[in-house]
Amino acid sequence: NGFAFTFGDPVVDLSRLDLSTVGEDPVVVPVD
């Protein structure tokens, strides 16, 4: 679903993302 920020110093932590069920297509993460 992604992330969009106007300004600031955000941290997007994907290190705990459960990727065990990912098929052929990658998980696409939009960050703006």
PDB file of all heavy atoms in Angstrom:
ATOM      1  N   ASN A   1       0.829  -1.208   0.000  1.00  0.00           N
ATOM      2  CA  ASN A   1       0.000   0.000   0.000  1.00  0.00           C
ATOM      3  C   ASN A   1       0.862   1.256   0.000  1.00  0.00           C
ATOM      4  O   ASN A   1       0.451   2.294  -0.474  1.00  0.00           O
ATOM      5  CB  ASN A   1      -0.944   0.018   1.200  1.00  0.00           C
ATOM      6  CG  ASN A   1      -2.102  -0.934   1.017  1.00  0.00           C
ATOM      7  OD1 ASN A   1      -2.447  -1.314  -0.088  1.00  0.00           O
ATOM      8  ND2 ASN A   1      -2.689  -1.338   2.125  1.00  0.00           N
ATOM      9  N   GLY A   2       2.060   1.171   0.549  1.00  0.00           N
ATOM     10  CA  GLY A   2       3.035   2.246   0.429  1.00  0.00           C
ATOM     11  C   GLY A   2       2.916   3.341   1.472  1.00  0.00           C
ATOM     12  O   GLY A   2       2.091   3.292   2.376  1.00  0.00           O
ATOM     13  N   PHE A   3       3.794   4.351   1.281  1.00  0.00           N
ATOM     14  CA  PHE A   3       3.917   5.458   2.224  1.00  0.00           C
ATOM     15  C   PHE A   3       4.114   6.750   1.445  1.00  0.00           C
ATOM     16  O   PHE A   3       4.813   6.769   0.441  1.00  0.00           O
ATOM     17  CB  PHE A   3       5.131   5.248   3.141  1.00  0.00           C
ATOM     18  CG  PHE A   3       5.062   3.972   3.930  1.00  0.00           C
ATOM     19  CD1 PHE A   3       5.540   2.796   3.389  1.00  0.00           C
ATOM     20  CD2 PHE A   3       4.501   3.961   5.186  1.00  0.00           C
ATOM     21  CE1 PHE A   3       5.460   1.613   4.103  1.00  0.00           C
ATOM     22  CE2 PHE A   3       4.419   2.782   5.908  1.00  0.00           C
ATOM     23  CZ  PHE A   3       4.904   1.611   5.370  1.00  0.00           C
ATOM     24  N   ALA A   4       3.530   7.839   1.935  1.00  0.00           N
ATOM     25  CA  ALA A   4       3.731   9.162   1.329  1.00  0.00           C
ATOM     26  C   ALA A   4       3.831  10.187   2.454  1.00  0.00           C
ATOM     27  O   ALA A   4       2.960  10.259   3.313  1.00  0.00           O
ATOM     28  CB  ALA A   4       2.589   9.516   0.387  1.00  0.00           C
ATOM     29  N   PHE A   5       4.918  10.963   2.440  1.00  0.00           N
ATOM     30  CA  PHE A   5       5.153  11.970   3.460  1.00  0.00           C
ATOM     31  C   PHE A   5       5.407  13.310   2.783  1.00  0.00           C
ATOM     32  O   PHE A   5       6.078  13.367   1.764  1.00  0.00           O
ATOM     33  CB  PHE A   5       6.376  11.616   4.313  1.00  0.00           C
ATOM     34  CG  PHE A   5       6.312  10.242   4.921  1.00  0.00           C
ATOM     35  CD1 PHE A   5       7.005   9.192   4.348  1.00  0.00           C
ATOM     36  CD2 PHE A   5       5.547  10.007   6.051  1.00  0.00           C
ATOM     37  CE1 PHE A   5       6.949   7.921   4.893  1.00  0.00           C
ATOM     38  CE2 PHE A   5       5.487   8.734   6.604  1.00  0.00           C
ATOM     39  CZ  PHE A   5       6.188   7.689   6.029  1.00  0.00           C
ATOM     40  N   THR A   6       4.910  14.384   3.374  1.00  0.00           N
ATOM     41  CA  THR A   6       5.174  15.711   2.841  1.00  0.00           C
ATOM     42  C   THR A   6       6.565  16.176   3.259  1.00  0.00           C
ATOM     43  O   THR A   6       7.353  16.578   2.423  1.00  0.00           O
ATOM     44  CB  THR A   6       4.115  16.725   3.315  1.00  0.00           C
ATOM     45  OG1 THR A   6       2.833  16.239   2.916  1.00  0.00           O
ATOM     46  CG2 THR A   6       4.347  18.087   2.699  1.00  0.00           C
ATOM     47  N   PHE A   7       6.864  16.116   4.554  1.00  0.00           N
ATOM     48  CA  PHE A   7       8.209  16.456   5.016  1.00  0.00           C
ATOM     49  C   PHE A   7       8.479  15.778   6.347  1.00  0.00           C
ATOM     50  O   PHE A   7       7.582  15.297   7.014  1.00  0.00           O
ATOM     51  CB  PHE A   7       8.429  17.968   5.105  1.00  0.00           C
ATOM     52  CG  PHE A   7       7.530  18.674   6.078  1.00  0.00           C
ATOM     53  CD1 PHE A   7       7.907  18.838   7.399  1.00  0.00           C
ATOM     54  CD2 PHE A   7       6.308  19.185   5.667  1.00  0.00           C
ATOM     55  CE1 PHE A   7       7.084  19.495   8.288  1.00  0.00           C
ATOM     56  CE2 PHE A   7       5.475  19.840   6.555  1.00  0.00           C
ATOM     57  CZ  PHE A   7       5.864  20.002   7.866  1.00  0.00           C
ATOM     58  N   GLY A   8       9.756  15.743   6.714  1.00  0.00           N
ATOM     59  CA  GLY A   8      10.147  15.136   7.975  1.00  0.00           C
ATOM     60  C   GLY A   8      11.305  14.183   7.784  1.00  0.00           C
ATOM     61  O   GLY A   8      11.962  14.168   6.739  1.00  0.00           O
ATOM     62  N   ASP A   9      11.542  13.360   8.798  1.00  0.00           N
ATOM     63  CA  ASP A   9      12.623  12.384   8.787  1.00  0.00           C
ATOM     64  C   ASP A   9      12.064  11.001   9.127  1.00  0.00           C
ATOM     65  O   ASP A   9      12.420  10.416  10.159  1.00  0.00           O
ATOM     66  CB  ASP A   9      13.714  12.780   9.799  1.00  0.00           C
ATOM     67  CG  ASP A   9      14.340  14.125   9.479  1.00  0.00           C
ATOM     68  OD1 ASP A   9      14.339  14.504   8.300  1.00  0.00           O
ATOM     69  OD2 ASP A   9      14.832  14.784  10.408  1.00  0.00           O
ATOM     70  N   PRO A  10      11.184  10.461   8.291  1.00  0.00           N
ATOM     71  CA  PRO A  10      10.560   9.180   8.615  1.00  0.00           C
ATOM     72  C   PRO A  10      11.511   7.991   8.397  1.00  0.00           C
ATOM     73  O   PRO A  10      12.439   8.053   7.602  1.00  0.00           O
ATOM     74  CB  PRO A  10       9.389   9.106   7.635  1.00  0.00           C
ATOM     75  CG  PRO A  10       9.848   9.892   6.457  1.00  0.00           C
ATOM     76  CD  PRO A  10      10.682  11.010   7.041  1.00  0.00           C
ATOM     77  N   VAL A  11      11.240   6.916   9.127  1.00  0.00           N
ATOM     78  CA  VAL A  11      11.948   5.647   8.969  1.00  0.00           C
ATOM     79  C   VAL A  11      10.903   4.593   8.631  1.00  0.00           C
ATOM     80  O   VAL A  11       9.934   4.419   9.370  1.00  0.00           O
ATOM     81  CB  VAL A  11      12.703   5.256  10.260  1.00  0.00           C
ATOM     82  CG1 VAL A  11      13.350   3.882  10.102  1.00  0.00           C
ATOM     83  CG2 VAL A  11      13.737   6.304  10.625  1.00  0.00           C
ATOM     84  N   VAL A  12      11.090   3.908   7.502  1.00  0.00           N
ATOM     85  CA  VAL A  12      10.211   2.814   7.108  1.00  0.00           C
ATOM     86  C   VAL A  12      11.002   1.526   7.319  1.00  0.00           C
ATOM     87  O   VAL A  12      11.972   1.264   6.614  1.00  0.00           O
ATOM     88  CB  VAL A  12       9.749   2.945   5.638  1.00  0.00           C
ATOM     89  CG1 VAL A  12       8.907   1.746   5.236  1.00  0.00           C
ATOM     90  CG2 VAL A  12       8.979   4.243   5.443  1.00  0.00           C
ATOM     91  N   ASP A  13      10.588   0.747   8.315  1.00  0.00           N
ATOM     92  CA  ASP A  13      11.305  -0.465   8.701  1.00  0.00           C
ATOM     93  C   ASP A  13      10.604  -1.682   8.105  1.00  0.00           C
ATOM     94  O   ASP A  13       9.524  -2.073   8.546  1.00  0.00           O
ATOM     95  CB  ASP A  13      11.366  -0.568  10.224  1.00  0.00           C
ATOM     96  CG  ASP A  13      12.222  -1.721  10.709  1.00  0.00           C
ATOM     97  OD1 ASP A  13      12.651  -2.546   9.882  1.00  0.00           O
ATOM     98  OD2 ASP A  13      12.451  -1.801  11.924  1.00  0.00           O
ATOM     99  N   LEU A  14      11.230  -2.279   7.095  1.00  0.00           N
ATOM    100  CA  LEU A  14      10.690  -3.465   6.432  1.00  0.00           C
ATOM    101  C   LEU A  14      11.390  -4.743   6.905  1.00  0.00           C
ATOM    102  O   LEU A  14      11.170  -5.810   6.349  1.00  0.00           O
ATOM    103  CB  LEU A  14      10.841  -3.333   4.917  1.00  0.00           C
ATOM    104  CG  LEU A  14      10.204  -2.096   4.289  1.00  0.00           C
ATOM    105  CD1 LEU A  14      10.574  -1.995   2.819  1.00  0.00           C
ATOM    106  CD2 LEU A  14       8.695  -2.106   4.460  1.00  0.00           C
ATOM    107  N   SER A  15      12.222  -4.634   7.933  1.00  0.00           N
ATOM    108  CA  SER A  15      13.030  -5.775   8.369  1.00  0.00           C
ATOM    109  C   SER A  15      12.195  -6.897   8.978  1.00  0.00           C
ATOM    110  O   SER A  15      12.639  -8.042   9.012  1.00  0.00           O
ATOM    111  CB  SER A  15      14.097  -5.324   9.369  1.00  0.00           C
ATOM    112  OG  SER A  15      13.502  -4.841  10.556  1.00  0.00           O
ATOM    113  N   ARG A  16      10.994  -6.613   9.434  1.00  0.00           N
ATOM    114  CA  ARG A  16      10.128  -7.643  10.022  1.00  0.00           C
ATOM    115  C   ARG A  16       9.042  -8.092   9.052  1.00  0.00           C
ATOM    116  O   ARG A  16       8.085  -8.760   9.454  1.00  0.00           O
ATOM    117  CB  ARG A  16       9.507  -7.111  11.305  1.00  0.00           C
ATOM    118  CG  ARG A  16      10.550  -6.844  12.359  1.00  0.00           C
ATOM    119  CD  ARG A  16       9.929  -6.521  13.690  1.00  0.00           C
ATOM    120  NE  ARG A  16      10.985  -6.189  14.628  1.00  0.00           N
ATOM    121  CZ  ARG A  16      10.993  -5.100  15.367  1.00  0.00           C
ATOM    122  NH1 ARG A  16      10.010  -4.237  15.300  1.00  0.00           N
ATOM    123  NH2 ARG A  16      11.990  -4.876  16.199  1.00  0.00           N
ATOM    124  N   LEU A  17       9.186  -7.730   7.809  1.00  0.00           N
ATOM    125  CA  LEU A  17       8.208  -8.077   6.784  1.00  0.00           C
ATOM    126  C   LEU A  17       8.230  -9.581   6.529  1.00  0.00           C
ATOM    127  O   LEU A  17       9.287 -10.165   6.300  1.00  0.00           O
ATOM    128  CB  LEU A  17       8.539  -7.311   5.500  1.00  0.00           C
ATOM    129  CG  LEU A  17       7.528  -7.318   4.378  1.00  0.00           C
ATOM    130  CD1 LEU A  17       6.198  -6.747   4.834  1.00  0.00           C
ATOM    131  CD2 LEU A  17       8.060  -6.507   3.220  1.00  0.00           C
ATOM    132  N   ASP A  18       7.067 -10.230   6.572  1.00  0.00           N
ATOM    133  CA  ASP A  18       6.969 -11.671   6.337  1.00  0.00           C
ATOM    134  C   ASP A  18       6.947 -11.917   4.833  1.00  0.00           C
ATOM    135  O   ASP A  18       5.936 -11.712   4.168  1.00  0.00           O
ATOM    136  CB  ASP A  18       5.709 -12.229   6.994  1.00  0.00           C
ATOM    137  CG  ASP A  18       5.553 -13.723   6.781  1.00  0.00           C
ATOM    138  OD1 ASP A  18       6.543 -14.387   6.387  1.00  0.00           O
ATOM    139  OD2 ASP A  18       4.433 -14.231   7.007  1.00  0.00           O
ATOM    140  N   LEU A  19       8.085 -12.351   4.278  1.00  0.00           N
ATOM    141  CA  LEU A  19       8.214 -12.580   2.837  1.00  0.00           C
ATOM    142  C   LEU A  19       8.148 -14.068   2.486  1.00  0.00           C
ATOM    143  O   LEU A  19       8.442 -14.445   1.357  1.00  0.00           O
ATOM    144  CB  LEU A  19       9.538 -11.981   2.351  1.00  0.00           C
ATOM    145  CG  LEU A  19       9.657 -10.469   2.531  1.00  0.00           C
ATOM    146  CD1 LEU A  19      11.078 -10.009   2.237  1.00  0.00           C
ATOM    147  CD2 LEU A  19       8.662  -9.746   1.648  1.00  0.00           C
ATOM    148  N   SER A  20       7.725 -14.909   3.435  1.00  0.00           N
ATOM    149  CA  SER A  20       7.700 -16.362   3.206  1.00  0.00           C
ATOM    150  C   SER A  20       6.645 -16.787   2.199  1.00  0.00           C
ATOM    151  O   SER A  20       6.774 -17.835   1.571  1.00  0.00           O
ATOM    152  CB  SER A  20       7.487 -17.096   4.530  1.00  0.00           C
ATOM    153  OG  SER A  20       6.238 -16.735   5.094  1.00  0.00           O
ATOM    154  N   THR A  21       5.603 -15.992   2.004  1.00  0.00           N
ATOM    155  CA  THR A  21       4.517 -16.364   1.089  1.00  0.00           C
ATOM    156  C   THR A  21       4.617 -15.673  -0.269  1.00  0.00           C
ATOM    157  O   THR A  21       3.706 -15.779  -1.071  1.00  0.00           O
ATOM    158  CB  THR A  21       3.161 -16.008   1.724  1.00  0.00           C
ATOM    159  OG1 THR A  21       3.122 -14.600   1.982  1.00  0.00           O
ATOM    160  CG2 THR A  21       2.944 -16.778   3.019  1.00  0.00           C
ATOM    161  N   VAL A  22       5.717 -14.967  -0.519  1.00  0.00           N
ATOM    162  CA  VAL A  22       5.863 -14.227  -1.777  1.00  0.00           C
ATOM    163  C   VAL A  22       6.083 -15.211  -2.921  1.00  0.00           C
ATOM    164  O   VAL A  22       6.911 -16.111  -2.829  1.00  0.00           O
ATOM    165  CB  VAL A  22       7.033 -13.229  -1.687  1.00  0.00           C
ATOM    166  CG1 VAL A  22       7.258 -12.546  -3.021  1.00  0.00           C
ATOM    167  CG2 VAL A  22       6.763 -12.213  -0.601  1.00  0.00           C
ATOM    168  N   GLY A  23       5.326 -15.030  -4.013  1.00  0.00           N
ATOM    169  CA  GLY A  23       5.457 -15.894  -5.183  1.00  0.00           C
ATOM    170  C   GLY A  23       6.507 -15.365  -6.143  1.00  0.00           C
ATOM    171  O   GLY A  23       7.564 -14.875  -5.736  1.00  0.00           O
ATOM    172  N   GLU A  24       6.208 -15.451  -7.438  1.00  0.00           N
ATOM    173  CA  GLU A  24       7.146 -15.022  -8.473  1.00  0.00           C
ATOM    174  C   GLU A  24       7.306 -13.506  -8.525  1.00  0.00           C
ATOM    175  O   GLU A  24       8.373 -12.995  -8.825  1.00  0.00           O
ATOM    176  CB  GLU A  24       6.685 -15.521  -9.840  1.00  0.00           C
ATOM    177  CG  GLU A  24       6.793 -17.010 -10.013  1.00  0.00           C
ATOM    178  CD  GLU A  24       6.349 -17.445 -11.399  1.00  0.00           C
ATOM    179  OE1 GLU A  24       6.361 -16.605 -12.325  1.00  0.00           O
ATOM    180  OE2 GLU A  24       5.993 -18.610 -11.550  1.00  0.00           O
ATOM    181  N   ASP A  25       6.213 -12.792  -8.279  1.00  0.00           N
ATOM    182  CA  ASP A  25       6.256 -11.330  -8.353  1.00  0.00           C
ATOM    183  C   ASP A  25       6.803 -10.749  -7.054  1.00  0.00           C
ATOM    184  O   ASP A  25       6.423 -11.181  -5.960  1.00  0.00           O
ATOM    185  CB  ASP A  25       4.858 -10.765  -8.613  1.00  0.00           C
ATOM    186  CG  ASP A  25       4.317 -11.187  -9.974  1.00  0.00           C
ATOM    187  OD1 ASP A  25       5.128 -11.342 -10.898  1.00  0.00           O
ATOM    188  OD2 ASP A  25       3.086 -11.361 -10.082  1.00  0.00           O
ATOM    189  N   PRO A  26       7.669  -9.749  -7.167  1.00  0.00           N
ATOM    190  CA  PRO A  26       8.222  -9.151  -5.943  1.00  0.00           C
ATOM    191  C   PRO A  26       7.180  -8.314  -5.207  1.00  0.00           C
ATOM    192  O   PRO A  26       6.185  -7.882  -5.786  1.00  0.00           O
ATOM    193  CB  PRO A  26       9.355  -8.266  -6.469  1.00  0.00           C
ATOM    194  CG  PRO A  26       8.949  -7.917  -7.852  1.00  0.00           C
ATOM    195  CD  PRO A  26       8.201  -9.121  -8.371  1.00  0.00           C
ATOM    196  N   VAL A  27       7.436  -8.090  -3.942  1.00  0.00           N
ATOM    197  CA  VAL A  27       6.629  -7.171  -3.145  1.00  0.00           C
ATOM    198  C   VAL A  27       7.096  -5.763  -3.513  1.00  0.00           C
ATOM    199  O   VAL A  27       8.261  -5.423  -3.317  1.00  0.00           O
ATOM    200  CB  VAL A  27       6.822  -7.435  -1.635  1.00  0.00           C
ATOM    201  CG1 VAL A  27       6.067  -6.389  -0.822  1.00  0.00           C
ATOM    202  CG2 VAL A  27       6.377  -8.835  -1.271  1.00  0.00           C
ATOM    203  N   VAL A  28       6.192  -4.959  -4.076  1.00  0.00           N
ATOM    204  CA  VAL A  28       6.531  -3.602  -4.517  1.00  0.00           C
ATOM    205  C   VAL A  28       6.097  -2.614  -3.437  1.00  0.00           C
ATOM    206  O   VAL A  28       4.923  -2.562  -3.069  1.00  0.00           O
ATOM    207  CB  VAL A  28       5.850  -3.268  -5.863  1.00  0.00           C
ATOM    208  CG1 VAL A  28       6.181  -1.852  -6.299  1.00  0.00           C
ATOM    209  CG2 VAL A  28       6.244  -4.275  -6.923  1.00  0.00           C
ATOM    210  N   VAL A  29       7.076  -1.850  -2.939  1.00  0.00           N
ATOM    211  CA  VAL A  29       6.811  -0.904  -1.851  1.00  0.00           C
ATOM    212  C   VAL A  29       7.090   0.516  -2.339  1.00  0.00           C
ATOM    213  O   VAL A  29       8.246   0.914  -2.484  1.00  0.00           O
ATOM    214  CB  VAL A  29       7.696  -1.206  -0.622  1.00  0.00           C
ATOM    215  CG1 VAL A  29       7.360  -0.247   0.516  1.00  0.00           C
ATOM    216  CG2 VAL A  29       7.539  -2.653  -0.178  1.00  0.00           C
ATOM    217  N   PRO A  30       6.024   1.314  -2.615  1.00  0.00           N
ATOM    218  CA  PRO A  30       6.247   2.715  -2.992  1.00  0.00           C
ATOM    219  C   PRO A  30       6.414   3.587  -1.749  1.00  0.00           C
ATOM    220  O   PRO A  30       5.652   3.474  -0.793  1.00  0.00           O
ATOM    221  CB  PRO A  30       4.969   3.082  -3.756  1.00  0.00           C
ATOM    222  CG  PRO A  30       3.926   2.146  -3.229  1.00  0.00           C
ATOM    223  CD  PRO A  30       4.637   0.905  -2.765  1.00  0.00           C
ATOM    224  N   VAL A  31       7.440   4.446  -1.771  1.00  0.00           N
ATOM    225  CA  VAL A  31       7.681   5.376  -0.669  1.00  0.00           C
ATOM    226  C   VAL A  31       7.965   6.740  -1.286  1.00  0.00           C
ATOM    227  O   VAL A  31       8.898   6.880  -2.079  1.00  0.00           O
ATOM    228  CB  VAL A  31       8.874   4.940   0.212  1.00  0.00           C
ATOM    229  CG1 VAL A  31       9.034   5.899   1.387  1.00  0.00           C
ATOM    230  CG2 VAL A  31       8.713   3.511   0.709  1.00  0.00           C
ATOM    231  N   ASP A  32       7.164   7.740  -0.929  1.00  0.00           N
ATOM    232  CA  ASP A  32       7.317   9.094  -1.456  1.00  0.00           C
ATOM    233  C   ASP A  32       7.566  10.067  -0.316  1.00  0.00           C
ATOM    234  O   ASP A  32       6.886  10.026   0.704  1.00  0.00           O
ATOM    235  CB  ASP A  32       6.055   9.537  -2.201  1.00  0.00           C
ATOM    236  CG  ASP A  32       5.769   8.690  -3.430  1.00  0.00           C
ATOM    237  OD1 ASP A  32       6.731   8.251  -4.073  1.00  0.00           O
ATOM    238  OD2 ASP A  32       4.582   8.471  -3.738  1.00  0.00           O
TER     239      ASP A  32
END
